[in-house]
């Protein structure tokens, strides 16, 4: 699913039609686009994020990535 900033120009120029956004509130960048919850109140949107590495990657590299992701997600309120 694309992010709103990546498709906003296409929406504004009429190349895409936005049906709804998955955030809890309407976006200030496009307040005319309703949220999914406005139509489907019990709908919950979640984002799945994955990081991949080659088979056999060094365990110290994996640990560095885990520490960096933990730090990033805690700043974003993800943990």
PDB file of N, CA and C in Angstrom:
ATOM      1  N   UNK A   1       0.846  -1.152   0.000  1.00  0.00           N
ATOM      2  CA  UNK A   1       0.000   0.000   0.000  1.00  0.00           C
ATOM      3  C   UNK A   1       0.907   1.235   0.000  1.00  0.00           C
ATOM      4  N   UNK A   2       0.719   2.145  -0.938  1.00  0.00           N
ATOM      5  CA  UNK A   2       1.571   3.330  -0.995  1.00  0.00           C
ATOM      6  C   UNK A   2       1.246   4.313   0.125  1.00  0.00           C
ATOM      7  N   UNK A   3       2.214   5.139   0.458  1.00  0.00           N
ATOM      8  CA  UNK A   3       1.985   6.180   1.457  1.00  0.00           C
ATOM      9  C   UNK A   3       1.272   7.355   0.796  1.00  0.00           C
ATOM     10  N   UNK A   4       0.576   8.137   1.593  1.00  0.00           N
ATOM     11  CA  UNK A   4      -0.134   9.290   1.052  1.00  0.00           C
ATOM     12  C   UNK A   4       0.804  10.274   0.349  1.00  0.00           C
ATOM     13  N   UNK A   5       1.946  10.634   0.942  1.00  0.00           N
ATOM     14  CA  UNK A   5       2.828  11.578   0.241  1.00  0.00           C
ATOM     15  C   UNK A   5       3.283  11.082  -1.137  1.00  0.00           C
ATOM     16  N   UNK A   6       3.451   9.770  -1.275  1.00  0.00           N
ATOM     17  CA  UNK A   6       3.933   9.251  -2.556  1.00  0.00           C
ATOM     18  C   UNK A   6       2.879   9.288  -3.658  1.00  0.00           C
ATOM     19  N   UNK A   7       1.621   9.385  -3.308  1.00  0.00           N
ATOM     20  CA  UNK A   7       0.565   9.407  -4.331  1.00  0.00           C
ATOM     21  C   UNK A   7      -0.269  10.682  -4.334  1.00  0.00           C
ATOM     22  N   UNK A   8       0.019  11.587  -3.422  1.00  0.00           N
ATOM     23  CA  UNK A   8      -0.814  12.783  -3.289  1.00  0.00           C
ATOM     24  C   UNK A   8      -0.906  13.585  -4.581  1.00  0.00           C
ATOM     25  N   UNK A   9       0.197  13.730  -5.289  1.00  0.00           N
ATOM     26  CA  UNK A   9       0.160  14.479  -6.544  1.00  0.00           C
ATOM     27  C   UNK A   9      -0.779  13.814  -7.557  1.00  0.00           C
ATOM     28  N   UNK A  10      -0.773  12.482  -7.598  1.00  0.00           N
ATOM     29  CA  UNK A  10      -1.657  11.758  -8.513  1.00  0.00           C
ATOM     30  C   UNK A  10      -3.126  11.946  -8.122  1.00  0.00           C
ATOM     31  N   UNK A  11      -3.386  12.023  -6.832  1.00  0.00           N
ATOM     32  CA  UNK A  11      -4.750  12.249  -6.358  1.00  0.00           C
ATOM     33  C   UNK A  11      -5.194  13.666  -6.713  1.00  0.00           C
ATOM     34  N   UNK A  12      -4.333  14.640  -6.422  1.00  0.00           N
ATOM     35  CA  UNK A  12      -4.673  16.046  -6.668  1.00  0.00           C
ATOM     36  C   UNK A  12      -4.879  16.337  -8.155  1.00  0.00           C
ATOM     37  N   UNK A  13      -4.151  15.611  -9.031  1.00  0.00           N
ATOM     38  CA  UNK A  13      -4.288  15.843 -10.481  1.00  0.00           C
ATOM     39  C   UNK A  13      -5.347  14.956 -11.125  1.00  0.00           C
ATOM     40  N   UNK A  14      -6.027  14.127 -10.330  1.00  0.00           N
ATOM     41  CA  UNK A  14      -7.108  13.306 -10.842  1.00  0.00           C
ATOM     42  C   UNK A  14      -6.683  12.002 -11.494  1.00  0.00           C
ATOM     43  N   UNK A  15      -5.414  11.649 -11.394  1.00  0.00           N
ATOM     44  CA  UNK A  15      -4.954  10.387 -11.975  1.00  0.00           C
ATOM     45  C   UNK A  15      -5.314   9.189 -11.093  1.00  0.00           C
ATOM     46  N   UNK A  16      -5.408   9.410  -9.788  1.00  0.00           N
ATOM     47  CA  UNK A  16      -5.845   8.389  -8.835  1.00  0.00           C
ATOM     48  C   UNK A  16      -7.063   8.929  -8.108  1.00  0.00           C
ATOM     49  N   UNK A  17      -7.934   8.037  -7.698  1.00  0.00           N
ATOM     50  CA  UNK A  17      -9.047   8.414  -6.839  1.00  0.00           C
ATOM     51  C   UNK A  17      -8.834   7.756  -5.484  1.00  0.00           C
ATOM     52  N   UNK A  18      -8.695   8.560  -4.464  1.00  0.00           N
ATOM     53  CA  UNK A  18      -8.519   8.022  -3.111  1.00  0.00           C
ATOM     54  C   UNK A  18      -9.882   7.657  -2.546  1.00  0.00           C
ATOM     55  N   UNK A  19      -9.986   6.457  -2.055  1.00  0.00           N
ATOM     56  CA  UNK A  19     -11.246   5.993  -1.464  1.00  0.00           C
ATOM     57  C   UNK A  19     -11.246   6.242   0.033  1.00  0.00           C
ATOM     58  N   UNK A  20     -10.120   5.953   0.672  1.00  0.00           N
ATOM     59  CA  UNK A  20     -10.003   6.156   2.118  1.00  0.00           C
ATOM     60  C   UNK A  20      -8.545   6.013   2.517  1.00  0.00           C
ATOM     61  N   UNK A  21      -8.219   6.550   3.695  1.00  0.00           N
ATOM     62  CA  UNK A  21      -6.884   6.372   4.258  1.00  0.00           C
ATOM     63  C   UNK A  21      -7.009   5.567   5.546  1.00  0.00           C
ATOM     64  N   UNK A  22      -5.924   4.887   5.917  1.00  0.00           N
ATOM     65  CA  UNK A  22      -5.995   3.972   7.057  1.00  0.00           C
ATOM     66  C   UNK A  22      -5.608   4.599   8.390  1.00  0.00           C
ATOM     67  N   UNK A  23      -5.305   5.881   8.411  1.00  0.00           N
ATOM     68  CA  UNK A  23      -4.946   6.518   9.678  1.00  0.00           C
ATOM     69  C   UNK A  23      -6.186   6.730  10.542  1.00  0.00           C
ATOM     70  N   UNK A  24      -5.968   7.020  11.805  1.00  0.00           N
ATOM     71  CA  UNK A  24      -7.075   7.216  12.747  1.00  0.00           C
ATOM     72  C   UNK A  24      -7.859   8.491  12.452  1.00  0.00           C
ATOM     73  N   UNK A  25      -7.170   9.503  11.933  1.00  0.00           N
ATOM     74  CA  UNK A  25      -7.810  10.786  11.617  1.00  0.00           C
ATOM     75  C   UNK A  25      -7.519  11.153  10.163  1.00  0.00           C
ATOM     76  N   UNK A  26      -8.325  12.010   9.596  1.00  0.00           N
ATOM     77  CA  UNK A  26      -8.075  12.489   8.239  1.00  0.00           C
ATOM     78  C   UNK A  26      -6.744  13.232   8.191  1.00  0.00           C
ATOM     79  N   UNK A  27      -6.099  13.156   7.061  1.00  0.00           N
ATOM     80  CA  UNK A  27      -4.806  13.820   6.886  1.00  0.00           C
ATOM     81  C   UNK A  27      -5.012  15.306   6.629  1.00  0.00           C
ATOM     82  N   UNK A  28      -4.186  16.140   7.239  1.00  0.00           N
ATOM     83  CA  UNK A  28      -4.259  17.579   6.967  1.00  0.00           C
ATOM     84  C   UNK A  28      -3.825  17.880   5.533  1.00  0.00           C
ATOM     85  N   UNK A  29      -3.053  16.978   4.924  1.00  0.00           N
ATOM     86  CA  UNK A  29      -2.614  17.167   3.534  1.00  0.00           C
ATOM     87  C   UNK A  29      -3.741  16.895   2.538  1.00  0.00           C
ATOM     88  N   UNK A  30      -4.727  16.116   2.955  1.00  0.00           N
ATOM     89  CA  UNK A  30      -5.852  15.782   2.076  1.00  0.00           C
ATOM     90  C   UNK A  30      -7.093  15.511   2.923  1.00  0.00           C
ATOM     91  N   UNK A  31      -7.611  16.544   3.571  1.00  0.00           N
ATOM     92  CA  UNK A  31      -8.735  16.343   4.491  1.00  0.00           C
ATOM     93  C   UNK A  31     -10.018  15.871   3.810  1.00  0.00           C
ATOM     94  N   UNK A  32     -10.069  15.955   2.489  1.00  0.00           N
ATOM     95  CA  UNK A  32     -11.254  15.498   1.764  1.00  0.00           C
ATOM     96  C   UNK A  32     -11.329  13.969   1.662  1.00  0.00           C
ATOM     97  N   UNK A  33     -10.232  13.292   1.976  1.00  0.00           N
ATOM     98  CA  UNK A  33     -10.209  11.830   1.915  1.00  0.00           C
ATOM     99  C   UNK A  33     -10.639  11.282   3.279  1.00  0.00           C
ATOM    100  N   UNK A  34     -11.731  10.523   3.317  1.00  0.00           N
ATOM    101  CA  UNK A  34     -12.190   9.988   4.605  1.00  0.00           C
ATOM    102  C   UNK A  34     -11.281   8.871   5.103  1.00  0.00           C
ATOM    103  N   UNK A  35     -11.403   8.581   6.384  1.00  0.00           N
ATOM    104  CA  UNK A  35     -10.681   7.438   6.942  1.00  0.00           C
ATOM    105  C   UNK A  35     -11.504   6.178   6.699  1.00  0.00           C
ATOM    106  N   UNK A  36     -10.838   5.039   6.715  1.00  0.00           N
ATOM    107  CA  UNK A  36     -11.550   3.766   6.573  1.00  0.00           C
ATOM    108  C   UNK A  36     -12.558   3.612   7.711  1.00  0.00           C
ATOM    109  N   UNK A  37     -12.169   4.044   8.908  1.00  0.00           N
ATOM    110  CA  UNK A  37     -13.031   3.890  10.084  1.00  0.00           C
ATOM    111  C   UNK A  37     -14.333   4.674   9.972  1.00  0.00           C
ATOM    112  N   UNK A  38     -14.347   5.707   9.144  1.00  0.00           N
ATOM    113  CA  UNK A  38     -15.591   6.453   8.960  1.00  0.00           C
ATOM    114  C   UNK A  38     -16.645   5.590   8.270  1.00  0.00           C
ATOM    115  N   UNK A  39     -16.224   4.695   7.413  1.00  0.00           N
ATOM    116  CA  UNK A  39     -17.140   3.792   6.719  1.00  0.00           C
ATOM    117  C   UNK A  39     -17.273   2.466   7.431  1.00  0.00           C
ATOM    118  N   UNK A  40     -16.140   1.963   7.934  1.00  0.00           N
ATOM    119  CA  UNK A  40     -16.095   0.674   8.626  1.00  0.00           C
ATOM    120  C   UNK A  40     -15.522   0.887  10.016  1.00  0.00           C
ATOM    121  N   UNK A  41     -16.357   1.239  10.995  1.00  0.00           N
ATOM    122  CA  UNK A  41     -15.869   1.611  12.333  1.00  0.00           C
ATOM    123  C   UNK A  41     -15.006   0.560  13.028  1.00  0.00           C
ATOM    124  N   UNK A  42     -15.195  -0.704  12.743  1.00  0.00           N
ATOM    125  CA  UNK A  42     -14.418  -1.734  13.417  1.00  0.00           C
ATOM    126  C   UNK A  42     -13.131  -2.102  12.681  1.00  0.00           C
ATOM    127  N   UNK A  43     -12.855  -1.439  11.589  1.00  0.00           N
ATOM    128  CA  UNK A  43     -11.666  -1.747  10.797  1.00  0.00           C
ATOM    129  C   UNK A  43     -10.420  -1.190  11.482  1.00  0.00           C
ATOM    130  N   UNK A  44      -9.410  -2.032  11.585  1.00  0.00           N
ATOM    131  CA  UNK A  44      -8.143  -1.628  12.182  1.00  0.00           C
ATOM    132  C   UNK A  44      -7.052  -1.854  11.146  1.00  0.00           C
ATOM    133  N   UNK A  45      -6.273  -0.822  10.877  1.00  0.00           N
ATOM    134  CA  UNK A  45      -5.174  -0.959   9.934  1.00  0.00           C
ATOM    135  C   UNK A  45      -3.863  -1.137  10.668  1.00  0.00           C
ATOM    136  N   UNK A  46      -3.060  -2.046  10.195  1.00  0.00           N
ATOM    137  CA  UNK A  46      -1.751  -2.272  10.788  1.00  0.00           C
ATOM    138  C   UNK A  46      -0.709  -2.295   9.686  1.00  0.00           C
ATOM    139  N   UNK A  47       0.492  -1.969  10.041  1.00  0.00           N
ATOM    140  CA  UNK A  47       1.593  -1.982   9.086  1.00  0.00           C
ATOM    141  C   UNK A  47       2.543  -3.107   9.476  1.00  0.00           C
ATOM    142  N   UNK A  48       2.939  -3.882   8.494  1.00  0.00           N
ATOM    143  CA  UNK A  48       3.893  -4.967   8.709  1.00  0.00           C
ATOM    144  C   UNK A  48       5.205  -4.536   8.103  1.00  0.00           C
ATOM    145  N   UNK A  49       6.272  -4.602   8.870  1.00  0.00           N
ATOM    146  CA  UNK A  49       7.593  -4.185   8.410  1.00  0.00           C
ATOM    147  C   UNK A  49       8.538  -5.371   8.548  1.00  0.00           C
ATOM    148  N   UNK A  50       9.366  -5.585   7.537  1.00  0.00           N
ATOM    149  CA  UNK A  50      10.343  -6.677   7.591  1.00  0.00           C
ATOM    150  C   UNK A  50      11.690  -6.177   7.098  1.00  0.00           C
ATOM    151  N   UNK A  51      12.723  -6.744   7.659  1.00  0.00           N
ATOM    152  CA  UNK A  51      14.087  -6.469   7.208  1.00  0.00           C
ATOM    153  C   UNK A  51      14.698  -7.827   6.880  1.00  0.00           C
ATOM    154  N   UNK A  52      15.322  -7.905   5.727  1.00  0.00           N
ATOM    155  CA  UNK A  52      15.901  -9.166   5.282  1.00  0.00           C
ATOM    156  C   UNK A  52      17.407  -9.051   5.176  1.00  0.00           C
ATOM    157  N   UNK A  53      18.063 -10.175   5.343  1.00  0.00           N
ATOM    158  CA  UNK A  53      19.515 -10.259   5.190  1.00  0.00           C
ATOM    159  C   UNK A  53      19.823 -11.589   4.510  1.00  0.00           C
ATOM    160  N   UNK A  54      20.969 -11.676   3.879  1.00  0.00           N
ATOM    161  CA  UNK A  54      21.339 -12.938   3.224  1.00  0.00           C
ATOM    162  C   UNK A  54      21.493 -14.076   4.237  1.00  0.00           C
ATOM    163  N   UNK A  55      21.245 -15.292   3.790  1.00  0.00           N
ATOM    164  CA  UNK A  55      21.480 -16.474   4.613  1.00  0.00           C
ATOM    165  C   UNK A  55      22.943 -16.459   5.059  1.00  0.00           C
ATOM    166  N   UNK A  56      23.176 -16.746   6.326  1.00  0.00           N
ATOM    167  CA  UNK A  56      24.532 -16.826   6.832  1.00  0.00           C
ATOM    168  C   UNK A  56      25.126 -15.501   7.269  1.00  0.00           C
ATOM    169  N   UNK A  57      24.306 -14.442   7.318  1.00  0.00           N
ATOM    170  CA  UNK A  57      24.832 -13.155   7.752  1.00  0.00           C
ATOM    171  C   UNK A  57      25.374 -13.281   9.178  1.00  0.00           C
ATOM    172  N   UNK A  58      26.430 -12.582   9.459  1.00  0.00           N
ATOM    173  CA  UNK A  58      27.102 -12.614  10.755  1.00  0.00           C
ATOM    174  C   UNK A  58      26.123 -12.212  11.859  1.00  0.00           C
ATOM    175  N   UNK A  59      26.140 -12.940  12.965  1.00  0.00           N
ATOM    176  CA  UNK A  59      25.218 -12.667  14.071  1.00  0.00           C
ATOM    177  C   UNK A  59      25.443 -11.285  14.688  1.00  0.00           C
ATOM    178  N   UNK A  60      26.669 -10.779  14.629  1.00  0.00           N
ATOM    179  CA  UNK A  60      26.925  -9.431  15.139  1.00  0.00           C
ATOM    180  C   UNK A  60      26.242  -8.377  14.273  1.00  0.00           C
ATOM    181  N   UNK A  61      26.177  -8.609  12.984  1.00  0.00           N
ATOM    182  CA  UNK A  61      25.473  -7.700  12.070  1.00  0.00           C
ATOM    183  C   UNK A  61      23.980  -7.724  12.390  1.00  0.00           C
ATOM    184  N   UNK A  62      23.428  -8.913  12.603  1.00  0.00           N
ATOM    185  CA  UNK A  62      22.017  -9.044  12.960  1.00  0.00           C
ATOM    186  C   UNK A  62      21.729  -8.285  14.249  1.00  0.00           C
ATOM    187  N   UNK A  63      22.594  -8.420  15.237  1.00  0.00           N
ATOM    188  CA  UNK A  63      22.399  -7.729  16.519  1.00  0.00           C
ATOM    189  C   UNK A  63      22.415  -6.213  16.324  1.00  0.00           C
ATOM    190  N   UNK A  64      23.324  -5.702  15.498  1.00  0.00           N
ATOM    191  CA  UNK A  64      23.377  -4.258  15.231  1.00  0.00           C
ATOM    192  C   UNK A  64      22.086  -3.777  14.578  1.00  0.00           C
ATOM    193  N   UNK A  65      21.568  -4.566  13.650  1.00  0.00           N
ATOM    194  CA  UNK A  65      20.309  -4.203  12.991  1.00  0.00           C
ATOM    195  C   UNK A  65      19.166  -4.215  14.004  1.00  0.00           C
ATOM    196  N   UNK A  66      19.118  -5.238  14.871  1.00  0.00           N
ATOM    197  CA  UNK A  66      18.070  -5.317  15.884  1.00  0.00           C
ATOM    198  C   UNK A  66      18.107  -4.117  16.831  1.00  0.00           C
ATOM    199  N   UNK A  67      19.291  -3.737  17.267  1.00  0.00           N
ATOM    200  CA  UNK A  67      19.438  -2.586  18.169  1.00  0.00           C
ATOM    201  C   UNK A  67      18.963  -1.307  17.470  1.00  0.00           C
ATOM    202  N   UNK A  68      19.368  -1.135  16.211  1.00  0.00           N
ATOM    203  CA  UNK A  68      18.970   0.059  15.459  1.00  0.00           C
ATOM    204  C   UNK A  68      17.456   0.101  15.249  1.00  0.00           C
ATOM    205  N   UNK A  69      16.853  -1.051  14.944  1.00  0.00           N
ATOM    206  CA  UNK A  69      15.395  -1.089  14.747  1.00  0.00           C
ATOM    207  C   UNK A  69      14.655  -0.844  16.058  1.00  0.00           C
ATOM    208  N   UNK A  70      15.140  -1.417  17.146  1.00  0.00           N
ATOM    209  CA  UNK A  70      14.519  -1.164  18.450  1.00  0.00           C
ATOM    210  C   UNK A  70      14.541   0.319  18.778  1.00  0.00           C
ATOM    211  N   UNK A  71      15.676   0.972  18.522  1.00  0.00           N
ATOM    212  CA  UNK A  71      15.808   2.406  18.765  1.00  0.00           C
ATOM    213  C   UNK A  71      14.859   3.203  17.888  1.00  0.00           C
ATOM    214  N   UNK A  72      14.803   2.847  16.627  1.00  0.00           N
ATOM    215  CA  UNK A  72      13.925   3.547  15.679  1.00  0.00           C
ATOM    216  C   UNK A  72      12.460   3.371  16.045  1.00  0.00           C
ATOM    217  N   UNK A  73      12.055   2.160  16.337  1.00  0.00           N
ATOM    218  CA  UNK A  73      10.654   1.895  16.652  1.00  0.00           C
ATOM    219  C   UNK A  73      10.232   2.527  17.969  1.00  0.00           C
ATOM    220  N   UNK A  74      11.138   2.581  18.943  1.00  0.00           N
ATOM    221  CA  UNK A  74      10.772   3.214  20.223  1.00  0.00           C
ATOM    222  C   UNK A  74      10.567   4.715  20.038  1.00  0.00           C
ATOM    223  N   UNK A  75      11.357   5.344  19.145  1.00  0.00           N
ATOM    224  CA  UNK A  75      11.169   6.765  18.856  1.00  0.00           C
ATOM    225  C   UNK A  75       9.852   7.013  18.148  1.00  0.00           C
ATOM    226  N   UNK A  76       9.420   6.043  17.329  1.00  0.00           N
ATOM    227  CA  UNK A  76       8.192   6.184  16.568  1.00  0.00           C
ATOM    228  C   UNK A  76       6.957   5.728  17.360  1.00  0.00           C
ATOM    229  N   UNK A  77       7.180   5.241  18.558  1.00  0.00           N
ATOM    230  CA  UNK A  77       6.068   4.747  19.367  1.00  0.00           C
ATOM    231  C   UNK A  77       5.641   3.340  18.987  1.00  0.00           C
ATOM    232  N   UNK A  78       6.530   2.604  18.295  1.00  0.00           N
ATOM    233  CA  UNK A  78       6.181   1.270  17.825  1.00  0.00           C
ATOM    234  C   UNK A  78       6.434   0.159  18.807  1.00  0.00           C
ATOM    235  N   UNK A  79       7.094   0.436  19.922  1.00  0.00           N
ATOM    236  CA  UNK A  79       7.320  -0.620  20.905  1.00  0.00           C
ATOM    237  C   UNK A  79       6.884  -0.161  22.269  1.00  0.00           C
TER     238      UNK A  79
END
